[in-house]
PDB file of N, CA and C in Angstrom:
ATOM      1  N   MET A   1     -84.430 -19.985 -52.421  1.00  0.00           N
ATOM      2  CA  MET A   1     -85.274 -19.377 -53.418  1.00  0.00           C
ATOM      3  C   MET A   1     -84.442 -18.865 -54.598  1.00  0.00           C
ATOM      4  N   GLU A   2     -83.240 -18.373 -54.296  1.00  0.00           N
ATOM      5  CA  GLU A   2     -82.374 -17.865 -55.362  1.00  0.00           C
ATOM      6  C   GLU A   2     -81.960 -18.983 -56.313  1.00  0.00           C
ATOM      7  N   LEU A   3     -81.671 -20.165 -55.770  1.00  0.00           N
ATOM      8  CA  LEU A   3     -81.311 -21.300 -56.621  1.00  0.00           C
ATOM      9  C   LEU A   3     -82.479 -21.695 -57.520  1.00  0.00           C
ATOM     10  N   TYR A   4     -83.683 -21.595 -57.009  1.00  0.00           N
ATOM     11  CA  TYR A   4     -84.862 -21.931 -57.806  1.00  0.00           C
ATOM     12  C   TYR A   4     -84.992 -20.967 -58.981  1.00  0.00           C
ATOM     13  N   ARG A   5     -84.783 -19.691 -58.731  1.00  0.00           N
ATOM     14  CA  ARG A   5     -84.851 -18.695 -59.812  1.00  0.00           C
ATOM     15  C   ARG A   5     -83.793 -18.968 -60.862  1.00  0.00           C
ATOM     16  N   GLU A   6     -82.590 -19.307 -60.407  1.00  0.00           N
ATOM     17  CA  GLU A   6     -81.525 -19.617 -61.361  1.00  0.00           C
ATOM     18  C   GLU A   6     -81.883 -20.860 -62.169  1.00  0.00           C
ATOM     19  N   PHE A   7     -82.450 -21.852 -61.511  1.00  0.00           N
ATOM     20  CA  PHE A   7     -82.877 -23.073 -62.182  1.00  0.00           C
ATOM     21  C   PHE A   7     -83.890 -22.748 -63.278  1.00  0.00           C
ATOM     22  N   GLU A   8     -84.864 -21.936 -62.962  1.00  0.00           N
ATOM     23  CA  GLU A   8     -85.911 -21.584 -63.913  1.00  0.00           C
ATOM     24  C   GLU A   8     -85.377 -20.766 -65.084  1.00  0.00           C
ATOM     25  N   SER A   9     -84.299 -20.028 -64.859  1.00  0.00           N
ATOM     26  CA  SER A   9     -83.771 -19.166 -65.919  1.00  0.00           C
ATOM     27  C   SER A   9     -82.863 -19.906 -66.907  1.00  0.00           C
ATOM     28  N   LEU A  10     -82.498 -21.141 -66.596  1.00  0.00           N
ATOM     29  CA  LEU A  10     -81.626 -21.889 -67.499  1.00  0.00           C
ATOM     30  C   LEU A  10     -82.385 -22.266 -68.766  1.00  0.00           C
ATOM     31  N   PRO A  11     -81.699 -22.210 -69.912  1.00  0.00           N
ATOM     32  CA  PRO A  11     -82.373 -22.595 -71.160  1.00  0.00           C
ATOM     33  C   PRO A  11     -82.744 -24.076 -71.146  1.00  0.00           C
ATOM     34  N   SER A  12     -83.846 -24.400 -71.762  1.00  0.00           N
ATOM     35  CA  SER A  12     -84.316 -25.789 -71.763  1.00  0.00           C
ATOM     36  C   SER A  12     -83.379 -26.716 -72.529  1.00  0.00           C
ATOM     37  N   THR A  13     -82.556 -26.168 -73.408  1.00  0.00           N
ATOM     38  CA  THR A  13     -81.639 -26.985 -74.214  1.00  0.00           C
ATOM     39  C   THR A  13     -80.271 -27.155 -73.566  1.00  0.00           C
ATOM     40  N   LEU A  14     -80.087 -26.623 -72.372  1.00  0.00           N
ATOM     41  CA  LEU A  14     -78.776 -26.642 -71.727  1.00  0.00           C
ATOM     42  C   LEU A  14     -78.189 -28.048 -71.622  1.00  0.00           C
ATOM     43  N   CYS A  15     -78.968 -29.000 -71.153  1.00  0.00           N
ATOM     44  CA  CYS A  15     -78.464 -30.363 -70.957  1.00  0.00           C
ATOM     45  C   CYS A  15     -78.090 -31.009 -72.287  1.00  0.00           C
ATOM     46  N   ASP A  16     -78.938 -30.859 -73.276  1.00  0.00           N
ATOM     47  CA  ASP A  16     -78.641 -31.416 -74.596  1.00  0.00           C
ATOM     48  C   ASP A  16     -77.414 -30.751 -75.206  1.00  0.00           C
ATOM     49  N   ASP A  17     -77.327 -29.434 -75.063  1.00  0.00           N
ATOM     50  CA  ASP A  17     -76.171 -28.702 -75.590  1.00  0.00           C
ATOM     51  C   ASP A  17     -74.877 -29.165 -74.932  1.00  0.00           C
ATOM     52  N   CYS A  18     -74.943 -29.459 -73.644  1.00  0.00           N
ATOM     53  CA  CYS A  18     -73.770 -29.935 -72.917  1.00  0.00           C
ATOM     54  C   CYS A  18     -73.313 -31.283 -73.464  1.00  0.00           C
ATOM     55  N   LEU A  19     -74.257 -32.193 -73.670  1.00  0.00           N
ATOM     56  CA  LEU A  19     -73.905 -33.507 -74.214  1.00  0.00           C
ATOM     57  C   LEU A  19     -73.325 -33.391 -75.627  1.00  0.00           C
ATOM     58  N   VAL A  20     -73.879 -32.506 -76.438  1.00  0.00           N
ATOM     59  CA  VAL A  20     -73.360 -32.300 -77.798  1.00  0.00           C
ATOM     60  C   VAL A  20     -71.924 -31.790 -77.733  1.00  0.00           C
ATOM     61  N   SER A  21     -71.679 -30.843 -76.840  1.00  0.00           N
ATOM     62  CA  SER A  21     -70.328 -30.304 -76.682  1.00  0.00           C
ATOM     63  C   SER A  21     -69.350 -31.381 -76.210  1.00  0.00           C
ATOM     64  N   LEU A  22     -69.776 -32.172 -75.231  1.00  0.00           N
ATOM     65  CA  LEU A  22     -68.911 -33.254 -74.742  1.00  0.00           C
ATOM     66  C   LEU A  22     -68.620 -34.262 -75.850  1.00  0.00           C
ATOM     67  N   ARG A  23     -69.642 -34.591 -76.634  1.00  0.00           N
ATOM     68  CA  ARG A  23     -69.463 -35.551 -77.729  1.00  0.00           C
ATOM     69  C   ARG A  23     -68.494 -35.005 -78.772  1.00  0.00           C
ATOM     70  N   ASN A  24     -68.640 -33.734 -79.117  1.00  0.00           N
ATOM     71  CA  ASN A  24     -67.747 -33.129 -80.109  1.00  0.00           C
ATOM     72  C   ASN A  24     -66.288 -33.147 -79.657  1.00  0.00           C
ATOM     73  N   ASN A  25     -66.069 -33.064 -78.349  1.00  0.00           N
ATOM     74  CA  ASN A  25     -64.705 -33.052 -77.808  1.00  0.00           C
ATOM     75  C   ASN A  25     -64.200 -34.430 -77.413  1.00  0.00           C
ATOM     76  N   ALA A  26     -65.023 -35.447 -77.543  1.00  0.00           N
ATOM     77  CA  ALA A  26     -64.636 -36.793 -77.117  1.00  0.00           C
ATOM     78  C   ALA A  26     -63.338 -37.278 -77.770  1.00  0.00           C
ATOM     79  N   PRO A  27     -63.187 -37.189 -79.102  1.00  0.00           N
ATOM     80  CA  PRO A  27     -61.944 -37.684 -79.718  1.00  0.00           C
ATOM     81  C   PRO A  27     -60.697 -36.962 -79.204  1.00  0.00           C
ATOM     82  N   THR A  28     -60.825 -35.683 -78.898  1.00  0.00           N
ATOM     83  CA  THR A  28     -59.702 -34.923 -78.349  1.00  0.00           C
ATOM     84  C   THR A  28     -59.264 -35.491 -77.004  1.00  0.00           C
ATOM     85  N   ASN A  29     -60.211 -36.091 -76.295  1.00  0.00           N
ATOM     86  CA  ASN A  29     -59.923 -36.672 -74.985  1.00  0.00           C
ATOM     87  C   ASN A  29     -59.732 -38.179 -75.041  1.00  0.00           C
ATOM     88  N   GLY A  30     -59.512 -38.706 -76.244  1.00  0.00           N
ATOM     89  CA  GLY A  30     -59.204 -40.118 -76.397  1.00  0.00           C
ATOM     90  C   GLY A  30     -60.412 -41.043 -76.354  1.00  0.00           C
ATOM     91  N   ILE A  31     -61.602 -40.509 -76.600  1.00  0.00           N
ATOM     92  CA  ILE A  31     -62.813 -41.315 -76.570  1.00  0.00           C
ATOM     93  C   ILE A  31     -63.457 -41.269 -77.953  1.00  0.00           C
ATOM     94  N   SER A  32     -63.727 -42.437 -78.516  1.00  0.00           N
ATOM     95  CA  SER A  32     -64.352 -42.464 -79.838  1.00  0.00           C
ATOM     96  C   SER A  32     -65.810 -42.043 -79.734  1.00  0.00           C
ATOM     97  N   PHE A  33     -66.350 -41.557 -80.855  1.00  0.00           N
ATOM     98  CA  PHE A  33     -67.770 -41.211 -80.889  1.00  0.00           C
ATOM     99  C   PHE A  33     -68.613 -42.436 -80.551  1.00  0.00           C
ATOM    100  N   GLU A  34     -68.182 -43.588 -81.044  1.00  0.00           N
ATOM    101  CA  GLU A  34     -68.922 -44.832 -80.793  1.00  0.00           C
ATOM    102  C   GLU A  34     -69.004 -45.127 -79.301  1.00  0.00           C
ATOM    103  N   ASP A  35     -67.857 -45.027 -78.610  1.00  0.00           N
ATOM    104  CA  ASP A  35     -67.851 -45.273 -77.164  1.00  0.00           C
ATOM    105  C   ASP A  35     -68.669 -44.215 -76.424  1.00  0.00           C
ATOM    106  N   PHE A  36     -68.514 -42.969 -76.814  1.00  0.00           N
ATOM    107  CA  PHE A  36     -69.275 -41.903 -76.163  1.00  0.00           C
ATOM    108  C   PHE A  36     -70.769 -42.178 -76.282  1.00  0.00           C
ATOM    109  N   ASP A  37     -71.197 -42.510 -77.496  1.00  0.00           N
ATOM    110  CA  ASP A  37     -72.621 -42.787 -77.725  1.00  0.00           C
ATOM    111  C   ASP A  37     -73.096 -43.988 -76.915  1.00  0.00           C
ATOM    112  N   LYS A  38     -72.243 -45.002 -76.814  1.00  0.00           N
ATOM    113  CA  LYS A  38     -72.609 -46.200 -76.064  1.00  0.00           C
ATOM    114  C   LYS A  38     -72.795 -45.875 -74.573  1.00  0.00           C
ATOM    115  N   PHE A  39     -71.883 -45.096 -74.021  1.00  0.00           N
ATOM    116  CA  PHE A  39     -71.927 -44.825 -72.587  1.00  0.00           C
ATOM    117  C   PHE A  39     -72.917 -43.729 -72.204  1.00  0.00           C
ATOM    118  N   THR A  40     -73.348 -42.936 -73.169  1.00  0.00           N
ATOM    119  CA  THR A  40     -74.303 -41.864 -72.851  1.00  0.00           C
ATOM    120  C   THR A  40     -75.663 -42.111 -73.492  1.00  0.00           C
ATOM    121  N   ASN A  41     -75.879 -43.305 -73.960  1.00  0.00           N
ATOM    122  CA  ASN A  41     -77.110 -43.635 -74.678  1.00  0.00           C
ATOM    123  C   ASN A  41     -78.374 -43.260 -73.915  1.00  0.00           C
ATOM    124  N   ASP A  42     -78.476 -43.635 -72.677  1.00  0.00           N
ATOM    125  CA  ASP A  42     -79.692 -43.393 -71.891  1.00  0.00           C
ATOM    126  C   ASP A  42     -79.491 -42.341 -70.802  1.00  0.00           C
ATOM    127  N   ILE A  43     -78.483 -41.522 -70.968  1.00  0.00           N
ATOM    128  CA  ILE A  43     -78.184 -40.534 -69.931  1.00  0.00           C
ATOM    129  C   ILE A  43     -79.115 -39.337 -70.042  1.00  0.00           C
ATOM    130  N   LYS A  44     -79.470 -38.810 -68.890  1.00  0.00           N
ATOM    131  CA  LYS A  44     -80.278 -37.597 -68.861  1.00  0.00           C
ATOM    132  C   LYS A  44     -79.662 -36.664 -67.827  1.00  0.00           C
ATOM    133  N   LEU A  45     -79.108 -35.568 -68.310  1.00  0.00           N
ATOM    134  CA  LEU A  45     -78.526 -34.589 -67.403  1.00  0.00           C
ATOM    135  C   LEU A  45     -79.644 -33.764 -66.785  1.00  0.00           C
ATOM    136  N   LEU A  46     -79.452 -33.374 -65.551  1.00  0.00           N
ATOM    137  CA  LEU A  46     -80.455 -32.600 -64.844  1.00  0.00           C
ATOM    138  C   LEU A  46     -80.025 -31.142 -64.746  1.00  0.00           C
ATOM    139  N   LYS A  47     -80.948 -30.229 -65.011  1.00  0.00           N
ATOM    140  CA  LYS A  47     -80.624 -28.809 -64.901  1.00  0.00           C
ATOM    141  C   LYS A  47     -80.177 -28.462 -63.482  1.00  0.00           C
ATOM    142  N   ARG A  48     -80.717 -29.171 -62.519  1.00  0.00           N
ATOM    143  CA  ARG A  48     -80.352 -28.915 -61.115  1.00  0.00           C
ATOM    144  C   ARG A  48     -78.845 -29.106 -60.892  1.00  0.00           C
ATOM    145  N   THR A  49     -78.259 -30.064 -61.602  1.00  0.00           N
ATOM    146  CA  THR A  49     -76.821 -30.315 -61.488  1.00  0.00           C
ATOM    147  C   THR A  49     -76.020 -29.082 -61.904  1.00  0.00           C
ATOM    148  N   PHE A  50     -76.461 -28.427 -62.969  1.00  0.00           N
ATOM    149  CA  PHE A  50     -75.765 -27.228 -63.438  1.00  0.00           C
ATOM    150  C   PHE A  50     -75.873 -26.095 -62.420  1.00  0.00           C
ATOM    151  N   VAL A  51     -77.052 -25.934 -61.847  1.00  0.00           N
ATOM    152  CA  VAL A  51     -77.256 -24.882 -60.855  1.00  0.00           C
ATOM    153  C   VAL A  51     -76.358 -25.122 -59.649  1.00  0.00           C
ATOM    154  N   LEU A  52     -76.349 -26.346 -59.152  1.00  0.00           N
ATOM    155  CA  LEU A  52     -75.528 -26.661 -57.981  1.00  0.00           C
ATOM    156  C   LEU A  52     -74.043 -26.515 -58.282  1.00  0.00           C
ATOM    157  N   ALA A  53     -73.621 -26.918 -59.466  1.00  0.00           N
ATOM    158  CA  ALA A  53     -72.213 -26.791 -59.838  1.00  0.00           C
ATOM    159  C   ALA A  53     -71.791 -25.332 -59.928  1.00  0.00           C
ATOM    160  N   ARG A  54     -72.658 -24.504 -60.448  1.00  0.00           N
ATOM    161  CA  ARG A  54     -72.351 -23.071 -60.572  1.00  0.00           C
ATOM    162  C   ARG A  54     -72.257 -22.398 -59.212  1.00  0.00           C
ATOM    163  N   ASN A  55     -72.975 -22.919 -58.230  1.00  0.00           N
ATOM    164  CA  ASN A  55     -73.012 -22.288 -56.914  1.00  0.00           C
ATOM    165  C   ASN A  55     -72.075 -22.936 -55.906  1.00  0.00           C
ATOM    166  N   GLN A  56     -71.352 -23.956 -56.332  1.00  0.00           N
ATOM    167  CA  GLN A  56     -70.408 -24.613 -55.442  1.00  0.00           C
ATOM    168  C   GLN A  56     -69.120 -23.796 -55.407  1.00  0.00           C
ATOM    169  N   LYS A  57     -68.630 -23.566 -54.231  1.00  0.00           N
ATOM    170  CA  LYS A  57     -67.400 -22.789 -54.093  1.00  0.00           C
ATOM    171  C   LYS A  57     -66.222 -23.607 -54.616  1.00  0.00           C
ATOM    172  N   ASP A  58     -65.352 -22.927 -55.323  1.00  0.00           N
ATOM    173  CA  ASP A  58     -64.139 -23.581 -55.804  1.00  0.00           C
ATOM    174  C   ASP A  58     -63.158 -23.725 -54.657  1.00  0.00           C
ATOM    175  N   LEU A  59     -62.537 -24.862 -54.603  1.00  0.00           N
ATOM    176  CA  LEU A  59     -61.528 -25.118 -53.584  1.00  0.00           C
ATOM    177  C   LEU A  59     -60.181 -25.196 -54.280  1.00  0.00           C
ATOM    178  N   GLN A  60     -59.286 -24.353 -53.871  1.00  0.00           N
ATOM    179  CA  GLN A  60     -57.951 -24.392 -54.443  1.00  0.00           C
ATOM    180  C   GLN A  60     -56.950 -24.582 -53.321  1.00  0.00           C
ATOM    181  N   GLU A  61     -56.087 -25.556 -53.527  1.00  0.00           N
ATOM    182  CA  GLU A  61     -55.056 -25.839 -52.539  1.00  0.00           C
ATOM    183  C   GLU A  61     -53.707 -25.791 -53.228  1.00  0.00           C
ATOM    184  N   ASP A  62     -52.715 -25.416 -52.488  1.00  0.00           N
ATOM    185  CA  ASP A  62     -51.372 -25.498 -53.060  1.00  0.00           C
ATOM    186  C   ASP A  62     -50.887 -26.940 -52.942  1.00  0.00           C
ATOM    187  N   TRP A  63     -49.851 -27.247 -53.678  1.00  0.00           N
ATOM    188  CA  TRP A  63     -49.335 -28.610 -53.765  1.00  0.00           C
ATOM    189  C   TRP A  63     -48.976 -29.177 -52.396  1.00  0.00           C
ATOM    190  N   THR A  64     -48.360 -28.399 -51.562  1.00  0.00           N
ATOM    191  CA  THR A  64     -47.927 -28.874 -50.245  1.00  0.00           C
ATOM    192  C   THR A  64     -49.118 -29.281 -49.384  1.00  0.00           C
ATOM    193  N   SER A  65     -50.165 -28.491 -49.390  1.00  0.00           N
ATOM    194  CA  SER A  65     -51.360 -28.823 -48.600  1.00  0.00           C
ATOM    195  C   SER A  65     -52.015 -30.096 -49.110  1.00  0.00           C
ATOM    196  N   TYR A  66     -52.105 -30.212 -50.431  1.00  0.00           N
ATOM    197  CA  TYR A  66     -52.733 -31.394 -51.020  1.00  0.00           C
ATOM    198  C   TYR A  66     -51.943 -32.656 -50.678  1.00  0.00           C
ATOM    199  N   ILE A  67     -50.638 -32.620 -50.873  1.00  0.00           N
ATOM    200  CA  ILE A  67     -49.795 -33.792 -50.610  1.00  0.00           C
ATOM    201  C   ILE A  67     -49.844 -34.173 -49.134  1.00  0.00           C
ATOM    202  N   SER A  68     -49.872 -33.193 -48.252  1.00  0.00           N
ATOM    203  CA  SER A  68     -49.901 -33.525 -46.822  1.00  0.00           C
ATOM    204  C   SER A  68     -51.202 -34.227 -46.436  1.00  0.00           C
ATOM    205  N   LYS A  69     -52.279 -34.002 -47.178  1.00  0.00           N
ATOM    206  CA  LYS A  69     -53.540 -34.704 -46.919  1.00  0.00           C
ATOM    207  C   LYS A  69     -53.537 -36.103 -47.531  1.00  0.00           C
ATOM    208  N   VAL A  70     -52.885 -36.247 -48.668  1.00  0.00           N
ATOM    209  CA  VAL A  70     -52.905 -37.514 -49.396  1.00  0.00           C
ATOM    210  C   VAL A  70     -51.869 -38.491 -48.859  1.00  0.00           C
ATOM    211  N   ILE A  71     -50.693 -37.980 -48.568  1.00  0.00           N
ATOM    212  CA  ILE A  71     -49.608 -38.849 -48.078  1.00  0.00           C
ATOM    213  C   ILE A  71     -49.395 -38.551 -46.601  1.00  0.00           C
ATOM    214  N   ASN A  72     -49.733 -39.521 -45.799  1.00  0.00           N
ATOM    215  CA  ASN A  72     -49.493 -39.413 -44.365  1.00  0.00           C
ATOM    216  C   ASN A  72     -49.082 -40.786 -43.844  1.00  0.00           C
ATOM    217  N   LYS A  73     -48.784 -40.893 -42.594  1.00  0.00           N
ATOM    218  CA  LYS A  73     -48.298 -42.157 -42.039  1.00  0.00           C
ATOM    219  C   LYS A  73     -49.296 -43.300 -42.262  1.00  0.00           C
ATOM    220  N   LYS A  74     -50.556 -43.028 -42.064  1.00  0.00           N
ATOM    221  CA  LYS A  74     -51.576 -44.070 -42.217  1.00  0.00           C
ATOM    222  C   LYS A  74     -51.593 -44.586 -43.663  1.00  0.00           C
ATOM    223  N   ASN A  75     -51.580 -43.690 -44.652  1.00  0.00           N
ATOM    224  CA  ASN A  75     -51.616 -44.096 -46.055  1.00  0.00           C
ATOM    225  C   ASN A  75     -50.323 -44.801 -46.468  1.00  0.00           C
ATOM    226  N   VAL A  76     -49.202 -44.363 -45.955  1.00  0.00           N
ATOM    227  CA  VAL A  76     -47.926 -44.991 -46.308  1.00  0.00           C
ATOM    228  C   VAL A  76     -47.857 -46.401 -45.731  1.00  0.00           C
ATOM    229  N   LEU A  77     -48.363 -46.597 -44.525  1.00  0.00           N
ATOM    230  CA  LEU A  77     -48.340 -47.907 -43.911  1.00  0.00           C
ATOM    231  C   LEU A  77     -49.257 -48.892 -44.626  1.00  0.00           C
ATOM    232  N   MET A  78     -50.297 -48.393 -45.294  1.00  0.00           N
ATOM    233  CA  MET A  78     -51.224 -49.252 -45.998  1.00  0.00           C
ATOM    234  C   MET A  78     -50.590 -49.847 -47.256  1.00  0.00           C
ATOM    235  N   VAL A  79     -49.599 -49.189 -47.807  1.00  0.00           N
ATOM    236  CA  VAL A  79     -48.966 -49.645 -49.041  1.00  0.00           C
ATOM    237  C   VAL A  79     -47.978 -50.674 -48.740  1.00  0.00           C
TER     238      VAL A  79
END
């Protein structure tokens, strides 16, 4: 029920504002406005995505923990 209340409280322009912000920053991230427009032409962001992202717990790992999960005997043998 709490997520529903948060969903309802989000501004109706949130999704559009997000796309505008991403587009404005596209060249800084090596993406032309033309490419951004092409790839987001028919995109529709959902307010539910924002609610879920805000309520997802952040996971932080130190480098050693991350590497031990990524590089192990099974992964090394595959290469």
